[in-house]
Amino acid sequence: MQGAVILVGTDFSEHAEIAVRGAFRLAQAVNGRVELVHVTPEQKPLFGGSKENRAAVKRLQEEAVEEARRALELIVAEADVPARAHVDVCAGDICKTLLDHADDVGADLIVVGRHGLGAAGRFLLGSLTDKVVRRSERPVMVIPTEPS
């Protein structure tokens, strides 16, 4: 695992922050590199929208991506291990986008946080963590966000 590439996704939630810190600690321990990724869903105007509405939605999307990029770059700047920030805009499945990015960077490990939704929450909402664990061909480390 020495020199490993560790991919961690973040939605900037408290749960994701815990996972990010765990990924940085692990990277430090193995002299690795962190690939920090934020995936934002593609914004689309309702009902097709007028030309002005489509332009406004595009502008809002660009602002959201830039804001996420600045937030990631701040995290990377404060890191004490090699790290890179990536912001992807996803038109479909966030899990697939994250896993595709892991392939693109040759990640040795994917780190995700556990949101503690419980069985009912996973049934009703689905869990990105569960999807990543089930779909990934790479090792996945789940960082608990609450005491067991």
N, C-alpha and C. Protein backbone atom coordinates (compact mmCIF):
# COMPACT_ATOMS: atom_id res chain seq x y z
N MET A 1 0.82 -1.19 0.00
CA MET A 1 0.00 0.00 0.00
C MET A 1 0.87 1.26 0.00
N GLN A 2 2.17 1.11 0.16
CA GLN A 2 3.08 2.25 0.16
C GLN A 2 2.95 3.03 -1.14
N GLY A 3 2.77 4.35 -1.04
CA GLY A 3 2.62 5.21 -2.21
C GLY A 3 1.25 5.12 -2.87
N ALA A 4 0.26 4.66 -2.15
CA ALA A 4 -1.08 4.43 -2.70
C ALA A 4 -1.76 5.72 -3.14
N VAL A 5 -2.62 5.58 -4.14
CA VAL A 5 -3.50 6.66 -4.57
C VAL A 5 -4.85 6.39 -3.90
N ILE A 6 -5.28 7.33 -3.07
CA ILE A 6 -6.51 7.17 -2.30
C ILE A 6 -7.52 8.19 -2.78
N LEU A 7 -8.63 7.71 -3.30
CA LEU A 7 -9.69 8.59 -3.78
C LEU A 7 -10.74 8.74 -2.70
N VAL A 8 -11.12 9.98 -2.42
CA VAL A 8 -12.20 10.24 -1.47
C VAL A 8 -13.12 11.29 -2.07
N GLY A 9 -14.41 10.97 -2.05
CA GLY A 9 -15.41 11.90 -2.55
C GLY A 9 -15.97 12.70 -1.40
N THR A 10 -16.38 13.92 -1.69
CA THR A 10 -16.98 14.75 -0.66
C THR A 10 -18.17 15.52 -1.20
N ASP A 11 -19.17 15.64 -0.35
CA ASP A 11 -20.30 16.54 -0.64
C ASP A 11 -20.27 17.71 0.33
N PHE A 12 -19.16 17.84 1.05
CA PHE A 12 -18.91 18.90 2.03
C PHE A 12 -19.77 18.77 3.28
N SER A 13 -20.38 17.61 3.48
CA SER A 13 -21.16 17.37 4.70
C SER A 13 -20.22 17.01 5.85
N GLU A 14 -20.76 17.00 7.05
CA GLU A 14 -19.98 16.60 8.22
C GLU A 14 -19.48 15.16 8.07
N HIS A 15 -20.32 14.29 7.52
CA HIS A 15 -19.93 12.89 7.32
C HIS A 15 -18.76 12.78 6.34
N ALA A 16 -18.85 13.55 5.27
CA ALA A 16 -17.78 13.53 4.26
C ALA A 16 -16.50 14.11 4.82
N GLU A 17 -16.60 15.12 5.67
CA GLU A 17 -15.40 15.72 6.27
C GLU A 17 -14.65 14.69 7.10
N ILE A 18 -15.37 13.85 7.81
CA ILE A 18 -14.73 12.79 8.61
C ILE A 18 -14.01 11.81 7.69
N ALA A 19 -14.64 11.45 6.58
CA ALA A 19 -14.01 10.54 5.62
C ALA A 19 -12.77 11.17 5.00
N VAL A 20 -12.85 12.46 4.67
CA VAL A 20 -11.70 13.16 4.09
C VAL A 20 -10.52 13.15 5.06
N ARG A 21 -10.79 13.46 6.33
CA ARG A 21 -9.71 13.44 7.33
C ARG A 21 -9.11 12.04 7.44
N GLY A 22 -9.96 11.01 7.39
CA GLY A 22 -9.46 9.63 7.44
C GLY A 22 -8.58 9.30 6.24
N ALA A 23 -8.97 9.77 5.06
CA ALA A 23 -8.19 9.52 3.85
C ALA A 23 -6.82 10.20 3.94
N PHE A 24 -6.80 11.43 4.46
CA PHE A 24 -5.52 12.14 4.61
C PHE A 24 -4.61 11.44 5.63
N ARG A 25 -5.19 10.97 6.73
CA ARG A 25 -4.38 10.25 7.73
C ARG A 25 -3.79 8.97 7.13
N LEU A 26 -4.60 8.24 6.38
CA LEU A 26 -4.13 7.02 5.76
C LEU A 26 -3.04 7.33 4.73
N ALA A 27 -3.25 8.35 3.92
CA ALA A 27 -2.24 8.72 2.92
C ALA A 27 -0.92 9.09 3.58
N GLN A 28 -1.02 9.78 4.70
CA GLN A 28 0.20 10.15 5.42
C GLN A 28 0.92 8.90 5.92
N ALA A 29 0.16 7.94 6.42
CA ALA A 29 0.76 6.71 6.97
C ALA A 29 1.44 5.86 5.91
N VAL A 30 0.94 5.90 4.68
CA VAL A 30 1.49 5.05 3.62
C VAL A 30 2.26 5.84 2.57
N ASN A 31 2.53 7.12 2.87
CA ASN A 31 3.23 7.97 1.93
C ASN A 31 2.50 8.01 0.59
N GLY A 32 1.18 8.16 0.67
CA GLY A 32 0.35 8.13 -0.52
C GLY A 32 -0.11 9.50 -0.97
N ARG A 33 -1.03 9.51 -1.92
CA ARG A 33 -1.58 10.73 -2.48
C ARG A 33 -3.10 10.64 -2.42
N VAL A 34 -3.75 11.76 -2.12
CA VAL A 34 -5.20 11.80 -2.05
C VAL A 34 -5.74 12.49 -3.30
N GLU A 35 -6.74 11.85 -3.90
CA GLU A 35 -7.51 12.44 -4.99
C GLU A 35 -8.85 12.81 -4.38
N LEU A 36 -9.08 14.09 -4.19
CA LEU A 36 -10.28 14.61 -3.55
C LEU A 36 -11.27 15.01 -4.65
N VAL A 37 -12.48 14.41 -4.62
CA VAL A 37 -13.42 14.59 -5.71
C VAL A 37 -14.78 15.06 -5.17
N HIS A 38 -15.35 16.02 -5.86
CA HIS A 38 -16.74 16.43 -5.60
C HIS A 38 -17.50 16.27 -6.91
N VAL A 39 -18.63 15.57 -6.85
CA VAL A 39 -19.47 15.39 -8.02
C VAL A 39 -20.76 16.16 -7.79
N THR A 40 -21.08 17.06 -8.70
CA THR A 40 -22.30 17.84 -8.58
C THR A 40 -23.26 17.45 -9.70
N PRO A 41 -24.53 17.24 -9.36
CA PRO A 41 -25.48 16.86 -10.41
C PRO A 41 -25.66 17.98 -11.44
N GLU A 42 -25.88 17.59 -12.67
CA GLU A 42 -26.12 18.57 -13.72
C GLU A 42 -27.47 19.26 -13.48
N GLN A 43 -27.46 20.57 -13.55
CA GLN A 43 -28.69 21.36 -13.37
C GLN A 43 -29.36 21.54 -14.72
N LYS A 44 -30.67 21.35 -14.74
CA LYS A 44 -31.43 21.54 -15.97
C LYS A 44 -32.66 22.38 -15.67
N PRO A 45 -33.04 23.27 -16.59
CA PRO A 45 -34.26 24.05 -16.36
C PRO A 45 -35.48 23.14 -16.46
N LEU A 46 -36.50 23.48 -15.70
CA LEU A 46 -37.74 22.72 -15.75
C LEU A 46 -38.43 22.94 -17.09
N PHE A 47 -39.00 21.89 -17.63
CA PHE A 47 -39.81 21.96 -18.85
C PHE A 47 -39.05 22.55 -20.03
N GLY A 48 -37.77 22.30 -20.10
CA GLY A 48 -36.98 22.79 -21.22
C GLY A 48 -36.52 24.22 -21.04
N GLY A 49 -37.38 25.09 -20.62
CA GLY A 49 -37.02 26.46 -20.30
C GLY A 49 -36.75 27.32 -21.51
N SER A 50 -36.89 28.62 -21.30
CA SER A 50 -36.58 29.59 -22.35
C SER A 50 -35.07 29.71 -22.48
N LYS A 51 -34.65 30.41 -23.50
CA LYS A 51 -33.23 30.65 -23.73
C LYS A 51 -32.61 31.35 -22.52
N GLU A 52 -33.33 32.32 -21.95
CA GLU A 52 -32.83 33.06 -20.78
C GLU A 52 -32.72 32.14 -19.57
N ASN A 53 -33.74 31.28 -19.39
CA ASN A 53 -33.70 30.36 -18.25
C ASN A 53 -32.56 29.35 -18.39
N ARG A 54 -32.35 28.84 -19.59
CA ARG A 54 -31.24 27.90 -19.80
C ARG A 54 -29.91 28.58 -19.52
N ALA A 55 -29.77 29.83 -19.94
CA ALA A 55 -28.53 30.58 -19.69
C ALA A 55 -28.34 30.80 -18.19
N ALA A 56 -29.43 31.11 -17.48
CA ALA A 56 -29.34 31.33 -16.03
C ALA A 56 -28.95 30.05 -15.32
N VAL A 57 -29.55 28.91 -15.72
CA VAL A 57 -29.22 27.63 -15.09
C VAL A 57 -27.76 27.27 -15.37
N LYS A 58 -27.31 27.51 -16.59
CA LYS A 58 -25.91 27.24 -16.92
C LYS A 58 -24.97 28.08 -16.06
N ARG A 59 -25.32 29.36 -15.89
CA ARG A 59 -24.51 30.25 -15.07
C ARG A 59 -24.48 29.77 -13.61
N LEU A 60 -25.63 29.35 -13.09
CA LEU A 60 -25.69 28.82 -11.71
C LEU A 60 -24.85 27.55 -11.57
N GLN A 61 -24.89 26.69 -12.59
CA GLN A 61 -24.08 25.46 -12.58
C GLN A 61 -22.60 25.81 -12.54
N GLU A 62 -22.19 26.75 -13.37
CA GLU A 62 -20.79 27.16 -13.41
C GLU A 62 -20.35 27.76 -12.07
N GLU A 63 -21.23 28.54 -11.44
CA GLU A 63 -20.91 29.12 -10.13
C GLU A 63 -20.78 28.02 -9.07
N ALA A 64 -21.66 27.02 -9.11
CA ALA A 64 -21.60 25.92 -8.14
C ALA A 64 -20.31 25.13 -8.31
N VAL A 65 -19.93 24.88 -9.55
CA VAL A 65 -18.69 24.15 -9.82
C VAL A 65 -17.49 24.95 -9.33
N GLU A 66 -17.48 26.24 -9.60
CA GLU A 66 -16.35 27.08 -9.17
C GLU A 66 -16.27 27.16 -7.65
N GLU A 67 -17.41 27.27 -6.99
CA GLU A 67 -17.44 27.31 -5.53
C GLU A 67 -16.91 25.99 -4.95
N ALA A 68 -17.32 24.87 -5.54
CA ALA A 68 -16.83 23.56 -5.08
C ALA A 68 -15.32 23.44 -5.32
N ARG A 69 -14.88 23.92 -6.47
CA ARG A 69 -13.44 23.86 -6.80
C ARG A 69 -12.62 24.66 -5.77
N ARG A 70 -13.10 25.86 -5.42
CA ARG A 70 -12.39 26.67 -4.42
C ARG A 70 -12.36 25.97 -3.06
N ALA A 71 -13.48 25.36 -2.68
CA ALA A 71 -13.54 24.66 -1.39
C ALA A 71 -12.58 23.48 -1.38
N LEU A 72 -12.53 22.72 -2.46
CA LEU A 72 -11.61 21.58 -2.54
C LEU A 72 -10.16 22.05 -2.52
N GLU A 73 -9.87 23.11 -3.25
CA GLU A 73 -8.49 23.61 -3.30
C GLU A 73 -8.04 24.12 -1.93
N LEU A 74 -8.95 24.65 -1.16
CA LEU A 74 -8.62 25.08 0.20
C LEU A 74 -8.27 23.86 1.06
N ILE A 75 -9.06 22.79 0.94
CA ILE A 75 -8.76 21.57 1.68
C ILE A 75 -7.40 21.03 1.28
N VAL A 76 -7.13 21.01 -0.02
CA VAL A 76 -5.85 20.50 -0.54
C VAL A 76 -4.69 21.36 -0.05
N ALA A 77 -4.87 22.68 -0.04
CA ALA A 77 -3.80 23.59 0.39
C ALA A 77 -3.44 23.38 1.85
N GLU A 78 -4.40 22.97 2.66
CA GLU A 78 -4.15 22.76 4.08
C GLU A 78 -3.67 21.34 4.39
N ALA A 79 -3.65 20.48 3.39
CA ALA A 79 -3.26 19.08 3.60
C ALA A 79 -1.76 18.96 3.80
N ASP A 80 -1.38 17.96 4.57
CA ASP A 80 0.05 17.73 4.79
C ASP A 80 0.54 16.51 4.01
N VAL A 81 -0.22 16.12 2.99
CA VAL A 81 0.18 15.05 2.08
C VAL A 81 -0.11 15.52 0.66
N PRO A 82 0.53 14.90 -0.33
CA PRO A 82 0.20 15.26 -1.71
C PRO A 82 -1.28 15.01 -1.98
N ALA A 83 -1.94 15.98 -2.59
CA ALA A 83 -3.37 15.85 -2.87
C ALA A 83 -3.72 16.68 -4.09
N ARG A 84 -4.76 16.25 -4.80
CA ARG A 84 -5.27 17.00 -5.93
C ARG A 84 -6.79 17.08 -5.80
N ALA A 85 -7.35 18.17 -6.30
CA ALA A 85 -8.79 18.40 -6.23
C ALA A 85 -9.42 18.25 -7.61
N HIS A 86 -10.60 17.65 -7.64
CA HIS A 86 -11.33 17.47 -8.89
C HIS A 86 -12.81 17.77 -8.65
N VAL A 87 -13.43 18.49 -9.57
CA VAL A 87 -14.87 18.71 -9.51
C VAL A 87 -15.43 18.18 -10.83
N ASP A 88 -16.36 17.24 -10.73
CA ASP A 88 -17.00 16.69 -11.91
C ASP A 88 -18.48 17.07 -11.89
N VAL A 89 -19.01 17.39 -13.05
CA VAL A 89 -20.44 17.61 -13.19
C VAL A 89 -21.03 16.34 -13.77
N CYS A 90 -22.02 15.80 -13.09
CA CYS A 90 -22.57 14.50 -13.43
C CYS A 90 -23.98 14.64 -13.96
N ALA A 91 -24.23 14.13 -15.15
CA ALA A 91 -25.57 14.18 -15.71
C ALA A 91 -26.41 13.00 -15.25
N GLY A 92 -25.80 12.02 -14.66
CA GLY A 92 -26.54 10.82 -14.28
C GLY A 92 -26.18 10.33 -12.89
N ASP A 93 -25.63 9.15 -12.84
CA ASP A 93 -25.36 8.43 -11.61
C ASP A 93 -24.07 8.93 -10.94
N ILE A 94 -24.21 9.52 -9.76
CA ILE A 94 -23.05 10.04 -9.04
C ILE A 94 -22.07 8.92 -8.70
N CYS A 95 -22.59 7.76 -8.30
CA CYS A 95 -21.72 6.63 -7.97
C CYS A 95 -20.87 6.25 -9.18
N LYS A 96 -21.48 6.13 -10.34
CA LYS A 96 -20.74 5.77 -11.56
C LYS A 96 -19.67 6.80 -11.86
N THR A 97 -20.01 8.07 -11.72
CA THR A 97 -19.04 9.13 -11.98
C THR A 97 -17.85 9.01 -11.03
N LEU A 98 -18.11 8.74 -9.76
CA LEU A 98 -17.05 8.58 -8.77
C LEU A 98 -16.17 7.37 -9.11
N LEU A 99 -16.80 6.25 -9.45
CA LEU A 99 -16.03 5.05 -9.80
C LEU A 99 -15.25 5.23 -11.10
N ASP A 100 -15.83 5.92 -12.06
CA ASP A 100 -15.09 6.22 -13.30
C ASP A 100 -13.86 7.06 -12.99
N HIS A 101 -14.03 8.02 -12.07
CA HIS A 101 -12.89 8.86 -11.71
C HIS A 101 -11.80 8.03 -11.03
N ALA A 102 -12.21 7.08 -10.20
CA ALA A 102 -11.24 6.18 -9.55
C ALA A 102 -10.44 5.43 -10.62
N ASP A 103 -11.11 4.98 -11.68
CA ASP A 103 -10.41 4.32 -12.79
C ASP A 103 -9.45 5.28 -13.47
N ASP A 104 -9.91 6.50 -13.72
CA ASP A 104 -9.10 7.49 -14.44
C ASP A 104 -7.79 7.80 -13.71
N VAL A 105 -7.83 7.86 -12.38
CA VAL A 105 -6.63 8.23 -11.62
C VAL A 105 -5.87 7.01 -11.10
N GLY A 106 -6.37 5.82 -11.39
CA GLY A 106 -5.71 4.60 -10.93
C GLY A 106 -5.72 4.46 -9.42
N ALA A 107 -6.86 4.77 -8.80
CA ALA A 107 -6.96 4.71 -7.34
C ALA A 107 -6.72 3.29 -6.83
N ASP A 108 -5.94 3.20 -5.77
CA ASP A 108 -5.72 1.91 -5.10
C ASP A 108 -6.80 1.64 -4.06
N LEU A 109 -7.44 2.70 -3.59
CA LEU A 109 -8.44 2.59 -2.53
C LEU A 109 -9.43 3.74 -2.66
N ILE A 110 -10.70 3.46 -2.38
CA ILE A 110 -11.73 4.50 -2.32
C ILE A 110 -12.16 4.61 -0.86
N VAL A 111 -12.20 5.83 -0.35
CA VAL A 111 -12.63 6.06 1.03
C VAL A 111 -13.96 6.80 0.98
N VAL A 112 -14.94 6.29 1.73
CA VAL A 112 -16.26 6.93 1.82
C VAL A 112 -16.69 6.98 3.27
N GLY A 113 -17.56 7.92 3.56
CA GLY A 113 -18.14 8.02 4.90
C GLY A 113 -19.44 7.26 4.98
N ARG A 114 -19.80 6.86 6.20
CA ARG A 114 -21.07 6.19 6.42
C ARG A 114 -22.01 7.19 7.07
N HIS A 115 -23.15 7.39 6.46
CA HIS A 115 -24.08 8.41 6.94
C HIS A 115 -24.97 7.96 8.08
N GLY A 116 -25.01 6.69 8.40
CA GLY A 116 -25.83 6.24 9.51
C GLY A 116 -27.32 6.35 9.25
N LEU A 117 -27.76 6.07 8.02
CA LEU A 117 -29.17 6.17 7.69
C LEU A 117 -30.00 5.07 8.32
N GLY A 118 -29.39 3.93 8.60
CA GLY A 118 -30.15 2.80 9.10
C GLY A 118 -30.81 2.07 7.94
N ALA A 119 -31.40 0.92 8.23
CA ALA A 119 -32.00 0.08 7.18
C ALA A 119 -33.14 0.80 6.47
N ALA A 120 -34.00 1.47 7.22
CA ALA A 120 -35.13 2.16 6.60
C ALA A 120 -34.66 3.27 5.67
N GLY A 121 -33.66 4.03 6.10
CA GLY A 121 -33.14 5.11 5.27
C GLY A 121 -32.51 4.59 4.00
N ARG A 122 -31.74 3.50 4.11
CA ARG A 122 -31.13 2.92 2.92
C ARG A 122 -32.20 2.39 1.96
N PHE A 123 -33.27 1.81 2.52
CA PHE A 123 -34.34 1.28 1.68
C PHE A 123 -35.06 2.41 0.93
N LEU A 124 -35.36 3.48 1.65
CA LEU A 124 -36.11 4.58 1.06
C LEU A 124 -35.26 5.45 0.15
N LEU A 125 -34.06 5.77 0.56
CA LEU A 125 -33.24 6.74 -0.16
C LEU A 125 -32.14 6.11 -0.99
N GLY A 126 -31.72 4.91 -0.61
CA GLY A 126 -30.52 4.34 -1.19
C GLY A 126 -29.35 5.04 -0.54
N SER A 127 -28.21 4.49 -0.61
CA SER A 127 -27.05 5.08 0.01
C SER A 127 -25.90 5.08 -0.98
N LEU A 128 -25.32 6.24 -1.19
CA LEU A 128 -24.18 6.32 -2.08
C LEU A 128 -23.07 5.40 -1.59
N THR A 129 -22.88 5.35 -0.27
CA THR A 129 -21.86 4.47 0.30
C THR A 129 -22.14 3.02 -0.07
N ASP A 130 -23.38 2.58 0.11
CA ASP A 130 -23.74 1.20 -0.25
C ASP A 130 -23.50 0.93 -1.73
N LYS A 131 -23.87 1.89 -2.57
CA LYS A 131 -23.68 1.70 -4.01
C LYS A 131 -22.21 1.59 -4.36
N VAL A 132 -21.39 2.43 -3.76
CA VAL A 132 -19.95 2.39 -4.05
C VAL A 132 -19.38 1.05 -3.61
N VAL A 133 -19.73 0.60 -2.41
CA VAL A 133 -19.22 -0.68 -1.91
C VAL A 133 -19.64 -1.83 -2.83
N ARG A 134 -20.90 -1.83 -3.26
CA ARG A 134 -21.40 -2.94 -4.10
C ARG A 134 -20.83 -2.91 -5.52
N ARG A 135 -20.66 -1.72 -6.08
CA ARG A 135 -20.27 -1.62 -7.49
C ARG A 135 -18.77 -1.57 -7.74
N SER A 136 -18.00 -1.17 -6.75
CA SER A 136 -16.57 -0.95 -6.96
C SER A 136 -15.82 -2.26 -7.16
N GLU A 137 -14.89 -2.23 -8.10
CA GLU A 137 -13.97 -3.35 -8.28
C GLU A 137 -12.68 -3.10 -7.49
N ARG A 138 -12.62 -1.94 -6.85
CA ARG A 138 -11.46 -1.56 -6.04
C ARG A 138 -11.81 -1.71 -4.57
N PRO A 139 -10.80 -1.83 -3.71
CA PRO A 139 -11.10 -1.86 -2.27
C PRO A 139 -11.75 -0.54 -1.84
N VAL A 140 -12.71 -0.65 -0.93
CA VAL A 140 -13.41 0.52 -0.41
C VAL A 140 -13.30 0.49 1.11
N MET A 141 -12.89 1.60 1.69
CA MET A 141 -12.84 1.75 3.14
C MET A 141 -13.98 2.67 3.55
N VAL A 142 -14.84 2.17 4.45
CA VAL A 142 -15.95 2.97 4.94
C VAL A 142 -15.57 3.51 6.31
N ILE A 143 -15.58 4.82 6.44
CA ILE A 143 -15.24 5.49 7.70
C ILE A 143 -16.54 5.76 8.46
N PRO A 144 -16.72 5.14 9.63
CA PRO A 144 -17.95 5.41 10.39
C PRO A 144 -17.96 6.85 10.90
N THR A 145 -19.15 7.42 10.93
CA THR A 145 -19.27 8.81 11.34
C THR A 145 -19.96 8.96 12.70
N GLU A 146 -20.26 7.82 13.32
CA GLU A 146 -20.86 7.85 14.63
C GLU A 146 -20.37 6.64 15.40
N PRO A 147 -20.34 6.70 16.73
CA PRO A 147 -19.86 5.56 17.49
C PRO A 147 -20.69 4.32 17.24
N SER A 148 -20.03 3.16 17.24
CA SER A 148 -20.74 1.89 17.02
C SER A 148 -21.49 1.46 18.25
